[in-house]
């Protein structure tokens, strides 16, 4: 299994398990306790790792969400608290989800070991959101919490890699979304206004962008040898089966 192939095979597990805490009802309840809507908590919970920056900076880092939608969530969150503190609450929810859902998953210790080596080997160049999240202190060192955080890091790494690949393919973020499986519905859900581009002429460039995403994200898997890459994918699949519940994903555009 090549590094590129490992990244492609790990995509589903990383996206699902790495984002599952964000859609957990307990996470949404925590947002309400903080005085935030789910949207404001999502935007500041992710972008807050960058610090108290301008909303345009957050929109650039998130990439696939319309700038106006980012601004709405970011400014609403800033009226309640500091973005870095909201990001810390989001990280705590990630740990909480890991403790509740990943405890007892077969091979969890090995999954943590392989995920950690991959996340630490990832080059953060051009991936500011991943770099910011990787630098945040983790409040819980229990293996299930560590697993959830590491998979979240790999999710942000792949998401940033896909944003780079989409731009290299000559696609705008909204074009990439429209060319994805959710089409115009995906563009609407991420705040992009109509009119939307015609989908068919964009498909070939999107396929190329997905392959480039695997190449960029796959570089981190060079930290594992060939058997370990296959083992990591198998452990991810086993973890998804063990969790057996609807989980959060990256937007469908994220390769």
Protein backbone atom coordinates (compact mmCIF):
# COMPACT_ATOMS: atom_id res chain seq x y z
CA UNK A 1 0.00 0.00 0.00
CA UNK A 2 1.55 3.30 -1.12
CA UNK A 3 1.22 6.45 1.00
CA UNK A 4 -1.27 7.88 -1.52
CA UNK A 5 -3.35 4.71 -1.40
CA UNK A 6 -3.27 4.72 2.39
CA UNK A 7 -4.60 8.28 2.45
CA UNK A 8 -7.38 7.35 0.03
CA UNK A 9 -8.35 4.25 2.03
CA UNK A 10 -8.23 6.12 5.35
CA UNK A 11 -10.38 8.97 4.05
CA UNK A 12 -13.74 7.58 5.13
CA UNK A 13 -12.68 6.62 8.64
CA UNK A 14 -10.75 9.83 9.26
CA UNK A 15 -13.62 11.99 8.03
CA UNK A 16 -16.30 10.17 9.99
CA UNK A 17 -14.51 9.52 13.27
CA UNK A 18 -12.55 12.76 13.19
CA UNK A 19 -15.68 14.85 12.92
CA UNK A 20 -18.18 12.79 14.87
CA UNK A 21 -17.96 14.82 18.07
CA UNK A 22 -19.15 17.93 16.24
CA UNK A 23 -22.59 16.47 15.54
CA UNK A 24 -22.98 14.76 18.89
CA UNK A 25 -26.08 16.04 20.77
CA UNK A 26 -23.96 16.56 23.88
CA UNK A 27 -21.64 18.86 21.92
CA UNK A 28 -24.61 20.89 20.71
CA UNK A 29 -25.92 21.04 24.28
CA UNK A 30 -22.54 22.34 25.43
CA UNK A 31 -22.76 25.06 22.78
CA UNK A 32 -26.11 26.16 24.17
CA UNK A 33 -24.68 26.18 27.71
CA UNK A 34 -22.02 28.59 26.45
CA UNK A 35 -24.68 30.81 24.91
CA UNK A 36 -23.84 29.85 21.35
CA UNK A 37 -25.80 28.50 18.44
CA UNK A 38 -24.57 25.27 16.93
CA UNK A 39 -23.30 27.21 13.90
CA UNK A 40 -21.37 29.77 15.94
CA UNK A 41 -19.82 26.99 18.01
CA UNK A 42 -18.83 25.11 14.85
CA UNK A 43 -17.19 28.12 13.23
CA UNK A 44 -15.39 29.39 16.34
CA UNK A 45 -14.75 25.87 17.57
CA UNK A 46 -12.71 25.18 14.46
CA UNK A 47 -11.38 28.61 13.56
CA UNK A 48 -10.69 29.63 17.14
CA UNK A 49 -7.50 27.59 17.11
CA UNK A 50 -6.09 30.43 14.98
CA UNK A 51 -6.70 32.92 17.79
CA UNK A 52 -8.67 36.18 17.77
CA UNK A 53 -8.21 36.95 14.09
CA UNK A 54 -10.46 38.64 11.54
CA UNK A 55 -13.33 36.65 10.08
CA UNK A 56 -11.81 36.91 6.60
CA UNK A 57 -8.76 35.06 7.89
CA UNK A 58 -10.96 32.31 9.31
CA UNK A 59 -12.90 32.08 6.04
CA UNK A 60 -9.65 31.70 4.11
CA UNK A 61 -8.51 28.88 6.39
CA UNK A 62 -11.85 27.04 6.39
CA UNK A 63 -12.04 27.54 2.65
CA UNK A 64 -15.23 25.77 1.66
CA UNK A 65 -17.68 27.82 3.73
CA UNK A 66 -18.95 31.09 2.25
CA UNK A 67 -17.23 34.11 3.85
CA UNK A 68 -20.53 35.71 4.84
CA UNK A 69 -21.60 32.52 6.64
CA UNK A 70 -18.25 32.37 8.42
CA UNK A 71 -18.55 36.02 9.42
CA UNK A 72 -22.00 35.47 10.90
CA UNK A 73 -20.85 32.56 13.06
CA UNK A 74 -17.52 34.11 14.00
CA UNK A 75 -18.88 37.48 15.08
CA UNK A 76 -21.73 35.85 17.02
CA UNK A 77 -19.20 33.71 18.88
CA UNK A 78 -16.88 36.65 19.59
CA UNK A 79 -19.72 38.46 21.32
CA UNK A 80 -19.88 35.56 23.78
CA UNK A 81 -16.23 34.67 24.38
CA UNK A 82 -12.69 34.56 23.07
CA UNK A 83 -12.29 32.32 20.01
CA UNK A 84 -9.35 30.43 21.49
CA UNK A 85 -11.43 29.60 24.57
CA UNK A 86 -14.29 28.37 22.39
CA UNK A 87 -11.82 26.21 20.47
CA UNK A 88 -10.64 24.81 23.81
CA UNK A 89 -14.24 23.90 24.65
CA UNK A 90 -14.53 22.21 21.26
CA UNK A 91 -11.37 20.22 21.92
CA UNK A 92 -12.74 19.18 25.31
CA UNK A 93 -15.88 17.93 23.59
CA UNK A 94 -13.73 15.94 21.18
CA UNK A 95 -12.02 14.29 24.16
CA UNK A 96 -15.36 13.67 25.85
CA UNK A 97 -16.74 12.00 22.73
CA UNK A 98 -13.63 9.84 22.51
CA UNK A 99 -13.94 8.66 26.10
CA UNK A 100 -17.63 7.83 25.64
CA UNK A 101 -17.51 6.22 22.21
CA UNK A 102 -14.03 4.78 21.67
CA UNK A 103 -13.37 3.15 25.04
CA UNK A 104 -13.09 -0.58 24.48
CA UNK A 105 -12.58 -0.34 20.71
CA UNK A 106 -10.36 -3.25 19.64
CA UNK A 107 -6.77 -2.23 18.96
CA UNK A 108 -7.28 1.29 20.27
CA UNK A 109 -3.76 1.59 21.67
CA UNK A 110 -2.26 0.60 18.34
CA UNK A 111 -4.59 3.01 16.51
CA UNK A 112 -3.36 5.83 18.74
CA UNK A 113 0.27 4.90 18.09
CA UNK A 114 -0.12 4.83 14.31
CA UNK A 115 -2.31 7.94 14.16
CA UNK A 116 0.12 9.88 16.33
CA UNK A 117 3.09 9.00 14.16
CA UNK A 118 1.15 10.04 11.07
CA UNK A 119 -0.11 13.31 12.55
CA UNK A 120 3.31 14.29 13.87
CA UNK A 121 4.93 13.50 10.51
CA UNK A 122 2.46 15.66 8.57
CA UNK A 123 3.99 18.77 7.01
CA UNK A 124 1.89 21.78 8.09
CA UNK A 125 3.17 24.06 5.32
CA UNK A 126 0.18 25.82 3.76
CA UNK A 127 -2.20 24.22 6.27
CA UNK A 128 -2.67 26.86 8.96
CA UNK A 129 -5.75 25.33 10.56
CA UNK A 130 -4.10 21.93 10.94
CA UNK A 131 -0.95 23.58 12.32
CA UNK A 132 -2.97 25.58 14.83
CA UNK A 133 -4.92 22.54 16.02
CA UNK A 134 -1.80 20.40 16.32
CA UNK A 135 -0.24 23.08 18.56
CA UNK A 136 -3.18 23.17 20.99
CA UNK A 137 -2.66 21.47 24.36
CA UNK A 138 -4.84 18.37 24.73
CA UNK A 139 -6.71 18.33 28.07
CA UNK A 140 -7.09 14.55 28.34
CA UNK A 141 -4.36 11.94 27.83
CA UNK A 142 -6.62 8.87 28.10
CA UNK A 143 -6.19 6.69 24.98
CA UNK A 144 -9.82 7.06 23.79
CA UNK A 145 -9.57 10.85 24.06
CA UNK A 146 -6.18 10.82 22.34
CA UNK A 147 -7.60 8.74 19.50
CA UNK A 148 -10.46 11.19 18.95
CA UNK A 149 -8.10 14.17 18.92
CA UNK A 150 -5.59 12.53 16.59
CA UNK A 151 -8.32 11.59 14.13
CA UNK A 152 -9.62 15.15 14.31
CA UNK A 153 -6.10 16.38 13.48
CA UNK A 154 -5.88 14.03 10.50
CA UNK A 155 -9.34 15.25 9.41
CA UNK A 156 -8.15 18.87 9.46
CA UNK A 157 -4.97 17.83 7.66
CA UNK A 158 -6.90 16.18 4.85
CA UNK A 159 -9.36 19.06 4.67
CA UNK A 160 -6.52 21.56 4.29
CA UNK A 161 -4.81 19.34 1.73
CA UNK A 162 -8.01 19.20 -0.28
CA UNK A 163 -8.38 22.97 -0.23
CA UNK A 164 -4.86 23.29 -1.62
CA UNK A 165 -5.60 20.66 -4.27
CA UNK A 166 -8.86 22.30 -5.32
CA UNK A 167 -7.13 25.63 -5.85
CA UNK A 168 -4.29 23.95 -7.74
CA UNK A 169 -6.88 22.36 -10.00
CA UNK A 170 -8.18 25.80 -10.90
CA UNK A 171 -11.44 25.37 -9.01
CA UNK A 172 -13.01 27.87 -6.66
CA UNK A 173 -14.41 26.44 -3.42
CA UNK A 174 -17.99 26.77 -4.60
CA UNK A 175 -17.13 25.09 -7.91
CA UNK A 176 -15.59 22.18 -6.02
CA UNK A 177 -18.71 21.86 -3.87
CA UNK A 178 -21.07 21.93 -6.86
CA UNK A 179 -18.91 19.30 -8.58
CA UNK A 180 -19.13 17.08 -5.48
CA UNK A 181 -21.79 14.50 -4.58
CA UNK A 182 -24.12 17.04 -2.92
CA UNK A 183 -24.07 19.48 -5.83
CA UNK A 184 -26.02 22.69 -5.38
CA UNK A 185 -27.52 21.43 -2.12
CA UNK A 186 -24.01 21.34 -0.68
CA UNK A 187 -23.37 24.90 -1.83
CA UNK A 188 -26.58 26.07 -0.18
CA UNK A 189 -25.74 24.32 3.10
CA UNK A 190 -22.39 26.12 3.26
CA UNK A 191 -23.86 29.53 2.62
CA UNK A 192 -22.98 30.10 -1.04
CA UNK A 193 -25.58 32.19 -2.88
CA UNK A 194 -26.96 31.39 -6.34
CA UNK A 195 -26.38 31.41 -9.26
CA UNK A 196 -24.23 28.29 -9.22
CA UNK A 197 -21.75 27.14 -11.86
CA UNK A 198 -22.63 24.40 -14.32
CA UNK A 199 -21.52 21.09 -12.81
CA UNK A 200 -20.47 18.89 -15.75
CA UNK A 201 -17.46 20.94 -16.97
CA UNK A 202 -16.02 20.87 -13.45
CA UNK A 203 -16.03 17.11 -12.87
CA UNK A 204 -12.69 16.27 -14.47
CA UNK A 205 -10.85 18.91 -12.50
CA UNK A 206 -12.49 17.71 -9.28
CA UNK A 207 -11.30 14.13 -9.93
CA UNK A 208 -7.79 15.48 -10.45
CA UNK A 209 -8.09 17.47 -7.20
CA UNK A 210 -9.09 14.34 -5.29
CA UNK A 211 -6.03 12.49 -6.56
CA UNK A 212 -3.82 15.43 -5.60
CA UNK A 213 -5.43 15.47 -2.15
CA UNK A 214 -4.38 11.85 -1.67
CA UNK A 215 -0.86 12.78 -2.74
CA UNK A 216 -0.59 15.69 -0.29
CA UNK A 217 -2.28 13.91 2.62
CA UNK A 218 -0.43 10.70 1.79
CA UNK A 219 2.97 12.24 2.46
CA UNK A 220 2.28 11.89 6.20
CA UNK A 221 1.77 8.14 5.79
CA UNK A 222 5.41 7.77 4.81
CA UNK A 223 5.97 7.64 8.57
CA UNK A 224 4.39 4.15 8.50
CA UNK A 225 5.76 1.14 6.67
CA UNK A 226 3.62 -0.76 4.17
CA UNK A 227 2.09 -3.28 6.63
CA UNK A 228 1.42 -0.50 9.14
CA UNK A 229 -0.53 1.51 6.57
CA UNK A 230 -2.82 -1.42 5.94
CA UNK A 231 -3.11 -2.01 9.67
CA UNK A 232 -4.08 1.62 10.27
CA UNK A 233 -6.87 1.45 7.68
CA UNK A 234 -8.13 -1.82 9.17
CA UNK A 235 -8.15 -0.33 12.67
CA UNK A 236 -10.11 2.68 11.41
CA UNK A 237 -12.69 0.42 9.81
CA UNK A 238 -12.98 -1.62 13.01
CA UNK A 239 -13.45 1.57 15.04
CA UNK A 240 -16.27 2.72 12.77
CA UNK A 241 -18.00 -0.62 13.17
CA UNK A 242 -17.58 -0.45 16.94
CA UNK A 243 -19.07 3.03 17.20
CA UNK A 244 -22.11 2.09 15.06
CA UNK A 245 -23.83 5.45 15.03
CA UNK A 246 -24.28 8.38 12.65
CA UNK A 247 -21.08 10.39 12.68
CA UNK A 248 -19.99 13.75 11.41
CA UNK A 249 -18.12 14.11 8.16
CA UNK A 250 -16.16 16.72 6.37
CA UNK A 251 -18.25 18.43 3.72
CA UNK A 252 -18.63 16.17 0.69
CA UNK A 253 -16.31 18.48 -1.24
CA UNK A 254 -13.33 17.53 0.90
CA UNK A 255 -11.98 14.77 -1.26
